[in-house]
Amino acid sequence: MNIAAYIIYLLLTGIITIKVGQVLFHHGRFYILSAMHGDETLTGVINKLLLTGYYLVNLGYAALMLRNWQTITTVTQLVSSVGTMTGRIVFSLAIMHYLNILWIALFGKQQQLFSHHKK
């Protein structure tokens, strides 16, 4: 039963990670552009870097979670385990998203201070 749980979990995690990554990449660009004061080049670089890091961290974390999986013998355990593990991934996505927003906001403020000192 563990093999079925792994397959379901990896499919769910992969779909969620890729879909959320695409949405954040598309809609986050406007936020990053605003924080970078209209710098298109810097915005593009940061947005692609965030997407790449997001995919690597989340898919790597999902793969590492397989090591901690207990033996599953019933369908109830399968549903419970897949739900718990998927919930952990979604929770980590939320934490990463808000940390990235904080990082971008702080970086944008630093850029703004730097540009004021430059004048």
PDB file of N, CA and C in Angstrom:
ATOM      1  N   MET A   1       0.812  -1.199   0.000  1.00  0.00           N
ATOM      2  CA  MET A   1       0.000   0.000   0.000  1.00  0.00           C
ATOM      3  C   MET A   1       0.853   1.261   0.000  1.00  0.00           C
ATOM      4  N   ASN A   2       2.080   1.167   0.482  1.00  0.00           N
ATOM      5  CA  ASN A   2       2.930   2.353   0.499  1.00  0.00           C
ATOM      6  C   ASN A   2       3.210   2.869  -0.909  1.00  0.00           C
ATOM      7  N   ILE A   3       3.368   1.968  -1.861  1.00  0.00           N
ATOM      8  CA  ILE A   3       3.637   2.394  -3.240  1.00  0.00           C
ATOM      9  C   ILE A   3       2.470   3.230  -3.772  1.00  0.00           C
ATOM     10  N   ALA A   4       1.244   2.803  -3.494  1.00  0.00           N
ATOM     11  CA  ALA A   4       0.064   3.573  -3.925  1.00  0.00           C
ATOM     12  C   ALA A   4       0.054   4.944  -3.256  1.00  0.00           C
ATOM     13  N   ALA A   5       0.386   4.993  -1.976  1.00  0.00           N
ATOM     14  CA  ALA A   5       0.434   6.266  -1.257  1.00  0.00           C
ATOM     15  C   ALA A   5       1.501   7.180  -1.855  1.00  0.00           C
ATOM     16  N   TYR A   6       2.664   6.623  -2.174  1.00  0.00           N
ATOM     17  CA  TYR A   6       3.739   7.432  -2.763  1.00  0.00           C
ATOM     18  C   TYR A   6       3.301   8.031  -4.098  1.00  0.00           C
ATOM     19  N   ILE A   7       2.668   7.211  -4.921  1.00  0.00           N
ATOM     20  CA  ILE A   7       2.242   7.669  -6.244  1.00  0.00           C
ATOM     21  C   ILE A   7       1.195   8.779  -6.115  1.00  0.00           C
ATOM     22  N   ILE A   8       0.191   8.551  -5.281  1.00  0.00           N
ATOM     23  CA  ILE A   8      -0.858   9.562  -5.082  1.00  0.00           C
ATOM     24  C   ILE A   8      -0.250  10.843  -4.527  1.00  0.00           C
ATOM     25  N   TYR A   9       0.577  10.700  -3.522  1.00  0.00           N
ATOM     26  CA  TYR A   9       1.219  11.852  -2.865  1.00  0.00           C
ATOM     27  C   TYR A   9       2.087  12.637  -3.845  1.00  0.00           C
ATOM     28  N   LEU A  10       2.928  11.934  -4.602  1.00  0.00           N
ATOM     29  CA  LEU A  10       3.813  12.640  -5.533  1.00  0.00           C
ATOM     30  C   LEU A  10       3.024  13.316  -6.660  1.00  0.00           C
ATOM     31  N   LEU A  11       1.959  12.686  -7.122  1.00  0.00           N
ATOM     32  CA  LEU A  11       1.111  13.323  -8.140  1.00  0.00           C
ATOM     33  C   LEU A  11       0.446  14.579  -7.585  1.00  0.00           C
ATOM     34  N   LEU A  12      -0.168  14.462  -6.420  1.00  0.00           N
ATOM     35  CA  LEU A  12      -0.817  15.620  -5.802  1.00  0.00           C
ATOM     36  C   LEU A  12       0.183  16.740  -5.536  1.00  0.00           C
ATOM     37  N   THR A  13       1.291  16.385  -4.950  1.00  0.00           N
ATOM     38  CA  THR A  13       2.310  17.377  -4.621  1.00  0.00           C
ATOM     39  C   THR A  13       2.863  18.036  -5.875  1.00  0.00           C
ATOM     40  N   GLY A  14       3.138  17.238  -6.892  1.00  0.00           N
ATOM     41  CA  GLY A  14       3.653  17.789  -8.141  1.00  0.00           C
ATOM     42  C   GLY A  14       2.672  18.742  -8.788  1.00  0.00           C
ATOM     43  N   ILE A  15       1.408  18.351  -8.849  1.00  0.00           N
ATOM     44  CA  ILE A  15       0.378  19.203  -9.461  1.00  0.00           C
ATOM     45  C   ILE A  15       0.207  20.500  -8.670  1.00  0.00           C
ATOM     46  N   ILE A  16       0.114  20.384  -7.359  1.00  0.00           N
ATOM     47  CA  ILE A  16      -0.057  21.573  -6.518  1.00  0.00           C
ATOM     48  C   ILE A  16       1.146  22.498  -6.650  1.00  0.00           C
ATOM     49  N   THR A  17       2.344  21.945  -6.563  1.00  0.00           N
ATOM     50  CA  THR A  17       3.559  22.750  -6.635  1.00  0.00           C
ATOM     51  C   THR A  17       3.672  23.470  -7.975  1.00  0.00           C
ATOM     52  N   ILE A  18       3.439  22.766  -9.059  1.00  0.00           N
ATOM     53  CA  ILE A  18       3.567  23.371 -10.388  1.00  0.00           C
ATOM     54  C   ILE A  18       2.484  24.425 -10.615  1.00  0.00           C
ATOM     55  N   LYS A  19       1.243  24.119 -10.255  1.00  0.00           N
ATOM     56  CA  LYS A  19       0.146  25.070 -10.467  1.00  0.00           C
ATOM     57  C   LYS A  19       0.343  26.329  -9.626  1.00  0.00           C
ATOM     58  N   VAL A  20       0.656  26.166  -8.358  1.00  0.00           N
ATOM     59  CA  VAL A  20       0.875  27.327  -7.490  1.00  0.00           C
ATOM     60  C   VAL A  20       2.088  28.122  -7.975  1.00  0.00           C
ATOM     61  N   GLY A  21       3.135  27.439  -8.410  1.00  0.00           N
ATOM     62  CA  GLY A  21       4.313  28.129  -8.937  1.00  0.00           C
ATOM     63  C   GLY A  21       3.986  28.985 -10.143  1.00  0.00           C
ATOM     64  N   GLN A  22       3.184  28.457 -11.052  1.00  0.00           N
ATOM     65  CA  GLN A  22       2.791  29.219 -12.236  1.00  0.00           C
ATOM     66  C   GLN A  22       1.967  30.450 -11.860  1.00  0.00           C
ATOM     67  N   VAL A  23       1.035  30.275 -10.941  1.00  0.00           N
ATOM     68  CA  VAL A  23       0.189  31.402 -10.508  1.00  0.00           C
ATOM     69  C   VAL A  23       1.045  32.465  -9.822  1.00  0.00           C
ATOM     70  N   LEU A  24       1.916  32.052  -8.920  1.00  0.00           N
ATOM     71  CA  LEU A  24       2.774  33.014  -8.225  1.00  0.00           C
ATOM     72  C   LEU A  24       3.727  33.704  -9.192  1.00  0.00           C
ATOM     73  N   PHE A  25       4.247  32.975 -10.158  1.00  0.00           N
ATOM     74  CA  PHE A  25       5.161  33.559 -11.145  1.00  0.00           C
ATOM     75  C   PHE A  25       4.446  34.640 -11.950  1.00  0.00           C
ATOM     76  N   HIS A  26       3.230  34.333 -12.385  1.00  0.00           N
ATOM     77  CA  HIS A  26       2.485  35.287 -13.213  1.00  0.00           C
ATOM     78  C   HIS A  26       2.033  36.511 -12.405  1.00  0.00           C
ATOM     79  N   HIS A  27       1.358  36.273 -11.294  1.00  0.00           N
ATOM     80  CA  HIS A  27       0.797  37.372 -10.522  1.00  0.00           C
ATOM     81  C   HIS A  27       1.835  38.061  -9.635  1.00  0.00           C
ATOM     82  N   GLY A  28       2.847  37.336  -9.217  1.00  0.00           N
ATOM     83  CA  GLY A  28       3.881  37.924  -8.371  1.00  0.00           C
ATOM     84  C   GLY A  28       4.754  38.923  -9.095  1.00  0.00           C
ATOM     85  N   ARG A  29       4.798  38.818 -10.412  1.00  0.00           N
ATOM     86  CA  ARG A  29       5.612  39.737 -11.212  1.00  0.00           C
ATOM     87  C   ARG A  29       5.218  41.185 -10.955  1.00  0.00           C
ATOM     88  N   PHE A  30       3.939  41.451 -10.845  1.00  0.00           N
ATOM     89  CA  PHE A  30       3.464  42.826 -10.622  1.00  0.00           C
ATOM     90  C   PHE A  30       3.898  43.342  -9.254  1.00  0.00           C
ATOM     91  N   TYR A  31       3.856  42.483  -8.255  1.00  0.00           N
ATOM     92  CA  TYR A  31       4.300  42.861  -6.918  1.00  0.00           C
ATOM     93  C   TYR A  31       5.797  43.136  -6.914  1.00  0.00           C
ATOM     94  N   ILE A  32       6.559  42.260  -7.546  1.00  0.00           N
ATOM     95  CA  ILE A  32       8.007  42.434  -7.597  1.00  0.00           C
ATOM     96  C   ILE A  32       8.353  43.697  -8.380  1.00  0.00           C
ATOM     97  N   LEU A  33       7.677  43.923  -9.495  1.00  0.00           N
ATOM     98  CA  LEU A  33       7.916  45.118 -10.306  1.00  0.00           C
ATOM     99  C   LEU A  33       7.672  46.381  -9.479  1.00  0.00           C
ATOM    100  N   SER A  34       6.622  46.364  -8.689  1.00  0.00           N
ATOM    101  CA  SER A  34       6.331  47.510  -7.822  1.00  0.00           C
ATOM    102  C   SER A  34       7.418  47.683  -6.765  1.00  0.00           C
ATOM    103  N   ALA A  35       7.833  46.577  -6.151  1.00  0.00           N
ATOM    104  CA  ALA A  35       8.868  46.642  -5.113  1.00  0.00           C
ATOM    105  C   ALA A  35      10.222  47.058  -5.679  1.00  0.00           C
ATOM    106  N   MET A  36      10.468  46.746  -6.944  1.00  0.00           N
ATOM    107  CA  MET A  36      11.742  47.098  -7.588  1.00  0.00           C
ATOM    108  C   MET A  36      11.647  48.420  -8.356  1.00  0.00           C
ATOM    109  N   HIS A  37      10.570  49.153  -8.104  1.00  0.00           N
ATOM    110  CA  HIS A  37      10.382  50.500  -8.652  1.00  0.00           C
ATOM    111  C   HIS A  37      10.464  50.537 -10.169  1.00  0.00           C
ATOM    112  N   GLY A  38       9.813  49.544 -10.802  1.00  0.00           N
ATOM    113  CA  GLY A  38       9.692  49.530 -12.254  1.00  0.00           C
ATOM    114  C   GLY A  38      10.878  48.970 -13.013  1.00  0.00           C
ATOM    115  N   ASP A  39      11.854  48.411 -12.324  1.00  0.00           N
ATOM    116  CA  ASP A  39      13.035  47.841 -12.994  1.00  0.00           C
ATOM    117  C   ASP A  39      12.654  46.482 -13.599  1.00  0.00           C
ATOM    118  N   GLU A  40      12.387  46.475 -14.907  1.00  0.00           N
ATOM    119  CA  GLU A  40      11.922  45.265 -15.610  1.00  0.00           C
ATOM    120  C   GLU A  40      12.958  44.142 -15.574  1.00  0.00           C
ATOM    121  N   THR A  41      14.212  44.481 -15.805  1.00  0.00           N
ATOM    122  CA  THR A  41      15.267  43.463 -15.857  1.00  0.00           C
ATOM    123  C   THR A  41      15.427  42.775 -14.511  1.00  0.00           C
ATOM    124  N   LEU A  42      15.540  43.568 -13.460  1.00  0.00           N
ATOM    125  CA  LEU A  42      15.696  43.011 -12.113  1.00  0.00           C
ATOM    126  C   LEU A  42      14.467  42.193 -11.719  1.00  0.00           C
ATOM    127  N   THR A  43      13.292  42.681 -12.075  1.00  0.00           N
ATOM    128  CA  THR A  43      12.050  41.965 -11.780  1.00  0.00           C
ATOM    129  C   THR A  43      12.036  40.598 -12.451  1.00  0.00           C
ATOM    130  N   GLY A  44      12.410  40.539 -13.722  1.00  0.00           N
ATOM    131  CA  GLY A  44      12.439  39.267 -14.443  1.00  0.00           C
ATOM    132  C   GLY A  44      13.410  38.277 -13.828  1.00  0.00           C
ATOM    133  N   VAL A  45      14.588  38.767 -13.467  1.00  0.00           N
ATOM    134  CA  VAL A  45      15.606  37.897 -12.861  1.00  0.00           C
ATOM    135  C   VAL A  45      15.131  37.367 -11.516  1.00  0.00           C
ATOM    136  N   ILE A  46      14.613  38.249 -10.681  1.00  0.00           N
ATOM    137  CA  ILE A  46      14.149  37.830  -9.351  1.00  0.00           C
ATOM    138  C   ILE A  46      12.983  36.852  -9.471  1.00  0.00           C
ATOM    139  N   ASN A  47      12.052  37.127 -10.366  1.00  0.00           N
ATOM    140  CA  ASN A  47      10.884  36.266 -10.527  1.00  0.00           C
ATOM    141  C   ASN A  47      11.283  34.864 -10.990  1.00  0.00           C
ATOM    142  N   LYS A  48      12.194  34.776 -11.946  1.00  0.00           N
ATOM    143  CA  LYS A  48      12.656  33.460 -12.420  1.00  0.00           C
ATOM    144  C   LYS A  48      13.448  32.733 -11.343  1.00  0.00           C
ATOM    145  N   LEU A  49      14.261  33.474 -10.601  1.00  0.00           N
ATOM    146  CA  LEU A  49      15.032  32.877  -9.514  1.00  0.00           C
ATOM    147  C   LEU A  49      14.110  32.323  -8.428  1.00  0.00           C
ATOM    148  N   LEU A  50      13.077  33.091  -8.077  1.00  0.00           N
ATOM    149  CA  LEU A  50      12.115  32.623  -7.075  1.00  0.00           C
ATOM    150  C   LEU A  50      11.378  31.377  -7.547  1.00  0.00           C
ATOM    151  N   LEU A  51      10.981  31.344  -8.818  1.00  0.00           N
ATOM    152  CA  LEU A  51      10.270  30.178  -9.348  1.00  0.00           C
ATOM    153  C   LEU A  51      11.155  28.943  -9.333  1.00  0.00           C
ATOM    154  N   THR A  52      12.394  29.094  -9.769  1.00  0.00           N
ATOM    155  CA  THR A  52      13.325  27.963  -9.782  1.00  0.00           C
ATOM    156  C   THR A  52      13.578  27.447  -8.366  1.00  0.00           C
ATOM    157  N   GLY A  53      13.853  28.352  -7.451  1.00  0.00           N
ATOM    158  CA  GLY A  53      14.085  27.961  -6.061  1.00  0.00           C
ATOM    159  C   GLY A  53      12.859  27.313  -5.445  1.00  0.00           C
ATOM    160  N   TYR A  54      11.703  27.855  -5.760  1.00  0.00           N
ATOM    161  CA  TYR A  54      10.434  27.324  -5.260  1.00  0.00           C
ATOM    162  C   TYR A  54      10.252  25.875  -5.704  1.00  0.00           C
ATOM    163  N   TYR A  55      10.464  25.620  -7.007  1.00  0.00           N
ATOM    164  CA  TYR A  55      10.324  24.257  -7.511  1.00  0.00           C
ATOM    165  C   TYR A  55      11.345  23.316  -6.866  1.00  0.00           C
ATOM    166  N   LEU A  56      12.583  23.728  -6.807  1.00  0.00           N
ATOM    167  CA  LEU A  56      13.627  22.865  -6.255  1.00  0.00           C
ATOM    168  C   LEU A  56      13.381  22.537  -4.784  1.00  0.00           C
ATOM    169  N   VAL A  57      13.062  23.544  -4.005  1.00  0.00           N
ATOM    170  CA  VAL A  57      12.847  23.314  -2.574  1.00  0.00           C
ATOM    171  C   VAL A  57      11.621  22.437  -2.332  1.00  0.00           C
ATOM    172  N   ASN A  58      10.504  22.759  -2.988  1.00  0.00           N
ATOM    173  CA  ASN A  58       9.274  22.023  -2.709  1.00  0.00           C
ATOM    174  C   ASN A  58       9.296  20.602  -3.248  1.00  0.00           C
ATOM    175  N   LEU A  59       9.792  20.402  -4.448  1.00  0.00           N
ATOM    176  CA  LEU A  59       9.848  19.037  -4.975  1.00  0.00           C
ATOM    177  C   LEU A  59      10.899  18.213  -4.231  1.00  0.00           C
ATOM    178  N   GLY A  60      11.989  18.856  -3.828  1.00  0.00           N
ATOM    179  CA  GLY A  60      12.991  18.161  -3.012  1.00  0.00           C
ATOM    180  C   GLY A  60      12.446  17.794  -1.642  1.00  0.00           C
ATOM    181  N   TYR A  61      11.719  18.726  -1.034  1.00  0.00           N
ATOM    182  CA  TYR A  61      11.100  18.468   0.262  1.00  0.00           C
ATOM    183  C   TYR A  61      10.074  17.336   0.153  1.00  0.00           C
ATOM    184  N   ALA A  62       9.299  17.345  -0.915  1.00  0.00           N
ATOM    185  CA  ALA A  62       8.308  16.280  -1.126  1.00  0.00           C
ATOM    186  C   ALA A  62       8.998  14.925  -1.234  1.00  0.00           C
ATOM    187  N   ALA A  63      10.108  14.870  -1.952  1.00  0.00           N
ATOM    188  CA  ALA A  63      10.844  13.610  -2.090  1.00  0.00           C
ATOM    189  C   ALA A  63      11.439  13.170  -0.751  1.00  0.00           C
ATOM    190  N   LEU A  64      11.954  14.109   0.018  1.00  0.00           N
ATOM    191  CA  LEU A  64      12.514  13.760   1.330  1.00  0.00           C
ATOM    192  C   LEU A  64      11.448  13.239   2.297  1.00  0.00           C
ATOM    193  N   MET A  65      10.230  13.731   2.154  1.00  0.00           N
ATOM    194  CA  MET A  65       9.149  13.292   3.033  1.00  0.00           C
ATOM    195  C   MET A  65       8.860  11.797   2.873  1.00  0.00           C
ATOM    196  N   LEU A  66       9.201  11.239   1.727  1.00  0.00           N
ATOM    197  CA  LEU A  66       8.968   9.806   1.510  1.00  0.00           C
ATOM    198  C   LEU A  66       9.781   8.961   2.488  1.00  0.00           C
ATOM    199  N   ARG A  67      10.915   9.477   2.920  1.00  0.00           N
ATOM    200  CA  ARG A  67      11.760   8.724   3.856  1.00  0.00           C
ATOM    201  C   ARG A  67      11.096   8.552   5.217  1.00  0.00           C
ATOM    202  N   ASN A  68      10.237   9.483   5.592  1.00  0.00           N
ATOM    203  CA  ASN A  68       9.614   9.466   6.921  1.00  0.00           C
ATOM    204  C   ASN A  68       8.261   8.767   6.951  1.00  0.00           C
ATOM    205  N   TRP A  69       7.895   8.146   5.861  1.00  0.00           N
ATOM    206  CA  TRP A  69       6.570   7.545   5.763  1.00  0.00           C
ATOM    207  C   TRP A  69       6.535   6.228   6.526  1.00  0.00           C
ATOM    208  N   GLN A  70       5.491   6.071   7.329  1.00  0.00           N
ATOM    209  CA  GLN A  70       5.323   4.814   8.066  1.00  0.00           C
ATOM    210  C   GLN A  70       4.649   3.781   7.164  1.00  0.00           C
ATOM    211  N   THR A  71       4.709   2.531   7.564  1.00  0.00           N
ATOM    212  CA  THR A  71       4.088   1.453   6.802  1.00  0.00           C
ATOM    213  C   THR A  71       2.570   1.606   6.833  1.00  0.00           C
ATOM    214  N   ILE A  72       1.970   1.489   5.659  1.00  0.00           N
ATOM    215  CA  ILE A  72       0.524   1.638   5.518  1.00  0.00           C
ATOM    216  C   ILE A  72      -0.077   0.271   5.216  1.00  0.00           C
ATOM    217  N   THR A  73      -1.104  -0.090   5.995  1.00  0.00           N
ATOM    218  CA  THR A  73      -1.732  -1.402   5.796  1.00  0.00           C
ATOM    219  C   THR A  73      -3.208  -1.314   5.429  1.00  0.00           C
ATOM    220  N   THR A  74      -3.844  -0.152   5.670  1.00  0.00           N
ATOM    221  CA  THR A  74      -5.269  -0.026   5.369  1.00  0.00           C
ATOM    222  C   THR A  74      -5.517   1.206   4.490  1.00  0.00           C
ATOM    223  N   VAL A  75      -6.680   1.238   3.882  1.00  0.00           N
ATOM    224  CA  VAL A  75      -7.071   2.377   3.053  1.00  0.00           C
ATOM    225  C   VAL A  75      -7.222   3.636   3.921  1.00  0.00           C
ATOM    226  N   THR A  76      -7.707   3.475   5.126  1.00  0.00           N
ATOM    227  CA  THR A  76      -7.848   4.609   6.043  1.00  0.00           C
ATOM    228  C   THR A  76      -6.482   5.228   6.344  1.00  0.00           C
ATOM    229  N   GLN A  77      -5.508   4.400   6.604  1.00  0.00           N
ATOM    230  CA  GLN A  77      -4.149   4.898   6.839  1.00  0.00           C
ATOM    231  C   GLN A  77      -3.600   5.577   5.588  1.00  0.00           C
ATOM    232  N   LEU A  78      -3.907   5.029   4.426  1.00  0.00           N
ATOM    233  CA  LEU A  78      -3.449   5.605   3.165  1.00  0.00           C
ATOM    234  C   LEU A  78      -3.997   7.023   2.998  1.00  0.00           C
ATOM    235  N   VAL A  79      -5.298   7.182   3.179  1.00  0.00           N
ATOM    236  CA  VAL A  79      -5.928   8.500   3.028  1.00  0.00           C
ATOM    237  C   VAL A  79      -5.386   9.470   4.074  1.00  0.00           C
ATOM    238  N   SER A  80      -5.259   9.002   5.289  1.00  0.00           N
ATOM    239  CA  SER A  80      -4.750   9.845   6.369  1.00  0.00           C
ATOM    240  C   SER A  80      -3.303  10.274   6.108  1.00  0.00           C
ATOM    241  N   SER A  81      -2.471   9.343   5.710  1.00  0.00           N
ATOM    242  CA  SER A  81      -1.059   9.650   5.450  1.00  0.00           C
ATOM    243  C   SER A  81      -0.894  10.603   4.278  1.00  0.00           C
ATOM    244  N   VAL A  82      -1.598  10.339   3.193  1.00  0.00           N
ATOM    245  CA  VAL A  82      -1.499  11.212   2.021  1.00  0.00           C
ATOM    246  C   VAL A  82      -2.013  12.602   2.378  1.00  0.00           C
ATOM    247  N   GLY A  83      -3.105  12.694   3.104  1.00  0.00           N
ATOM    248  CA  GLY A  83      -3.640  13.992   3.519  1.00  0.00           C
ATOM    249  C   GLY A  83      -2.687  14.758   4.407  1.00  0.00           C
ATOM    250  N   THR A  84      -2.090  14.067   5.372  1.00  0.00           N
ATOM    251  CA  THR A  84      -1.148  14.708   6.293  1.00  0.00           C
ATOM    252  C   THR A  84       0.098  15.191   5.552  1.00  0.00           C
ATOM    253  N   MET A  85       0.661  14.331   4.728  1.00  0.00           N
ATOM    254  CA  MET A  85       1.878  14.707   4.004  1.00  0.00           C
ATOM    255  C   MET A  85       1.617  15.821   2.997  1.00  0.00           C
ATOM    256  N   THR A  86       0.481  15.780   2.321  1.00  0.00           N
ATOM    257  CA  THR A  86       0.132  16.834   1.373  1.00  0.00           C
ATOM    258  C   THR A  86      -0.108  18.145   2.121  1.00  0.00           C
ATOM    259  N   GLY A  87      -0.742  18.063   3.270  1.00  0.00           N
ATOM    260  CA  GLY A  87      -0.959  19.252   4.100  1.00  0.00           C
ATOM    261  C   GLY A  87       0.351  19.896   4.519  1.00  0.00           C
ATOM    262  N   ARG A  88       1.339  19.099   4.826  1.00  0.00           N
ATOM    263  CA  ARG A  88       2.656  19.643   5.191  1.00  0.00           C
ATOM    264  C   ARG A  88       3.275  20.398   4.022  1.00  0.00           C
ATOM    265  N   ILE A  89       3.128  19.848   2.838  1.00  0.00           N
ATOM    266  CA  ILE A  89       3.676  20.514   1.652  1.00  0.00           C
ATOM    267  C   ILE A  89       2.963  21.843   1.418  1.00  0.00           C
ATOM    268  N   VAL A  90       1.636  21.838   1.507  1.00  0.00           N
ATOM    269  CA  VAL A  90       0.868  23.073   1.289  1.00  0.00           C
ATOM    270  C   VAL A  90       1.241  24.113   2.350  1.00  0.00           C
ATOM    271  N   PHE A  91       1.423  23.678   3.574  1.00  0.00           N
ATOM    272  CA  PHE A  91       1.842  24.582   4.643  1.00  0.00           C
ATOM    273  C   PHE A  91       3.220  25.171   4.340  1.00  0.00           C
ATOM    274  N   SER A  92       4.131  24.338   3.868  1.00  0.00           N
ATOM    275  CA  SER A  92       5.467  24.852   3.533  1.00  0.00           C
ATOM    276  C   SER A  92       5.398  25.825   2.355  1.00  0.00           C
ATOM    277  N   LEU A  93       4.495  25.589   1.405  1.00  0.00           N
ATOM    278  CA  LEU A  93       4.316  26.528   0.292  1.00  0.00           C
ATOM    279  C   LEU A  93       3.872  27.889   0.816  1.00  0.00           C
ATOM    280  N   ALA A  94       2.949  27.884   1.740  1.00  0.00           N
ATOM    281  CA  ALA A  94       2.460  29.146   2.304  1.00  0.00           C
ATOM    282  C   ALA A  94       3.569  29.886   3.038  1.00  0.00           C
ATOM    283  N   ILE A  95       4.339  29.183   3.833  1.00  0.00           N
ATOM    284  CA  ILE A  95       5.443  29.816   4.561  1.00  0.00           C
ATOM    285  C   ILE A  95       6.457  30.398   3.581  1.00  0.00           C
ATOM    286  N   MET A  96       6.825  29.628   2.566  1.00  0.00           N
ATOM    287  CA  MET A  96       7.790  30.130   1.579  1.00  0.00           C
ATOM    288  C   MET A  96       7.248  31.362   0.862  1.00  0.00           C
ATOM    289  N   HIS A  97       5.980  31.348   0.518  1.00  0.00           N
ATOM    290  CA  HIS A  97       5.387  32.472  -0.186  1.00  0.00           C
ATOM    291  C   HIS A  97       5.481  33.748   0.652  1.00  0.00           C
ATOM    292  N   TYR A  98       5.098  33.679   1.909  1.00  0.00           N
ATOM    293  CA  TYR A  98       5.125  34.866   2.754  1.00  0.00           C
ATOM    294  C   TYR A  98       6.549  35.308   3.083  1.00  0.00           C
ATOM    295  N   LEU A  99       7.460  34.384   3.217  1.00  0.00           N
ATOM    296  CA  LEU A  99       8.862  34.775   3.413  1.00  0.00           C
ATOM    297  C   LEU A  99       9.420  35.471   2.174  1.00  0.00           C
ATOM    298  N   ASN A 100       9.043  34.990   0.997  1.00  0.00           N
ATOM    299  CA  ASN A 100       9.478  35.638  -0.233  1.00  0.00           C
ATOM    300  C   ASN A 100       8.900  37.044  -0.358  1.00  0.00           C
ATOM    301  N   ILE A 101       7.637  37.220   0.008  1.00  0.00           N
ATOM    302  CA  ILE A 101       7.028  38.546  -0.028  1.00  0.00           C
ATOM    303  C   ILE A 101       7.779  39.481   0.920  1.00  0.00           C
ATOM    304  N   LEU A 102       8.090  39.010   2.110  1.00  0.00           N
ATOM    305  CA  LEU A 102       8.841  39.814   3.078  1.00  0.00           C
ATOM    306  C   LEU A 102      10.218  40.168   2.525  1.00  0.00           C
ATOM    307  N   TRP A 103      10.904  39.190   1.962  1.00  0.00           N
ATOM    308  CA  TRP A 103      12.232  39.410   1.400  1.00  0.00           C
ATOM    309  C   TRP A 103      12.190  40.451   0.276  1.00  0.00           C
ATOM    310  N   ILE A 104      11.217  40.332  -0.605  1.00  0.00           N
ATOM    311  CA  ILE A 104      11.090  41.272  -1.724  1.00  0.00           C
ATOM    312  C   ILE A 104      10.790  42.680  -1.202  1.00  0.00           C
ATOM    313  N   ALA A 105       9.905  42.784  -0.225  1.00  0.00           N
ATOM    314  CA  ALA A 105       9.575  44.096   0.345  1.00  0.00           C
ATOM    315  C   ALA A 105      10.805  44.732   0.981  1.00  0.00           C
ATOM    316  N   LEU A 106      11.566  43.961   1.730  1.00  0.00           N
ATOM    317  CA  LEU A 106      12.783  44.487   2.351  1.00  0.00           C
ATOM    318  C   LEU A 106      13.821  44.869   1.304  1.00  0.00           C
ATOM    319  N   PHE A 107      13.957  44.044   0.284  1.00  0.00           N
ATOM    320  CA  PHE A 107      14.908  44.332  -0.791  1.00  0.00           C
ATOM    321  C   PHE A 107      14.487  45.594  -1.539  1.00  0.00           C
ATOM    322  N   GLY A 108      13.191  45.757  -1.775  1.00  0.00           N
ATOM    323  CA  GLY A 108      12.680  46.949  -2.450  1.00  0.00           C
ATOM    324  C   GLY A 108      12.954  48.209  -1.648  1.00  0.00           C
ATOM    325  N   LYS A 109      12.774  48.130  -0.329  1.00  0.00           N
ATOM    326  CA  LYS A 109      13.068  49.284   0.534  1.00  0.00           C
ATOM    327  C   LYS A 109      14.556  49.604   0.507  1.00  0.00           C
ATOM    328  N   GLN A 110      15.390  48.566   0.503  1.00  0.00           N
ATOM    329  CA  GLN A 110      16.838  48.777   0.444  1.00  0.00           C
ATOM    330  C   GLN A 110      17.213  49.439  -0.880  1.00  0.00           C
ATOM    331  N   GLN A 111      16.598  49.005  -1.981  1.00  0.00           N
ATOM    332  CA  GLN A 111      16.849  49.610  -3.292  1.00  0.00           C
ATOM    333  C   GLN A 111      16.441  51.075  -3.285  1.00  0.00           C
ATOM    334  N   GLN A 112      15.321  51.363  -2.646  1.00  0.00           N
ATOM    335  CA  GLN A 112      14.826  52.732  -2.589  1.00  0.00           C
ATOM    336  C   GLN A 112      15.791  53.604  -1.786  1.00  0.00           C
ATOM    337  N   LEU A 113      16.272  53.121  -0.663  1.00  0.00           N
ATOM    338  CA  LEU A 113      17.238  53.870   0.139  1.00  0.00           C
ATOM    339  C   LEU A 113      18.530  54.096  -0.636  1.00  0.00           C
ATOM    340  N   PHE A 114      18.973  53.066  -1.347  1.00  0.00           N
ATOM    341  CA  PHE A 114      20.202  53.162  -2.128  1.00  0.00           C
ATOM    342  C   PHE A 114      20.063  54.209  -3.225  1.00  0.00           C
ATOM    343  N   SER A 115      18.893  54.244  -3.879  1.00  0.00           N
ATOM    344  CA  SER A 115      18.695  55.210  -4.974  1.00  0.00           C
ATOM    345  C   SER A 115      18.605  56.630  -4.431  1.00  0.00           C
ATOM    346  N   HIS A 116      18.087  56.828  -3.210  1.00  0.00           N
ATOM    347  CA  HIS A 116      18.032  58.168  -2.613  1.00  0.00           C
ATOM    348  C   HIS A 116      19.430  58.666  -2.249  1.00  0.00           C
ATOM    349  N   HIS A 117      20.297  57.767  -1.774  1.00  0.00           N
ATOM    350  CA  HIS A 117      21.663  58.150  -1.414  1.00  0.00           C
ATOM    351  C   HIS A 117      22.496  58.444  -2.665  1.00  0.00           C
ATOM    352  N   LYS A 118      22.127  57.827  -3.749  1.00  0.00           N
ATOM    353  CA  LYS A 118      22.847  57.976  -5.016  1.00  0.00           C
ATOM    354  C   LYS A 118      22.659  59.368  -5.610  1.00  0.00           C
ATOM    355  N   LYS A 119      21.503  59.965  -5.375  1.00  0.00           N
ATOM    356  CA  LYS A 119      21.171  61.272  -5.992  1.00  0.00           C
ATOM    357  C   LYS A 119      21.956  62.400  -5.455  1.00  0.00           C
TER     358      LYS A 119
END
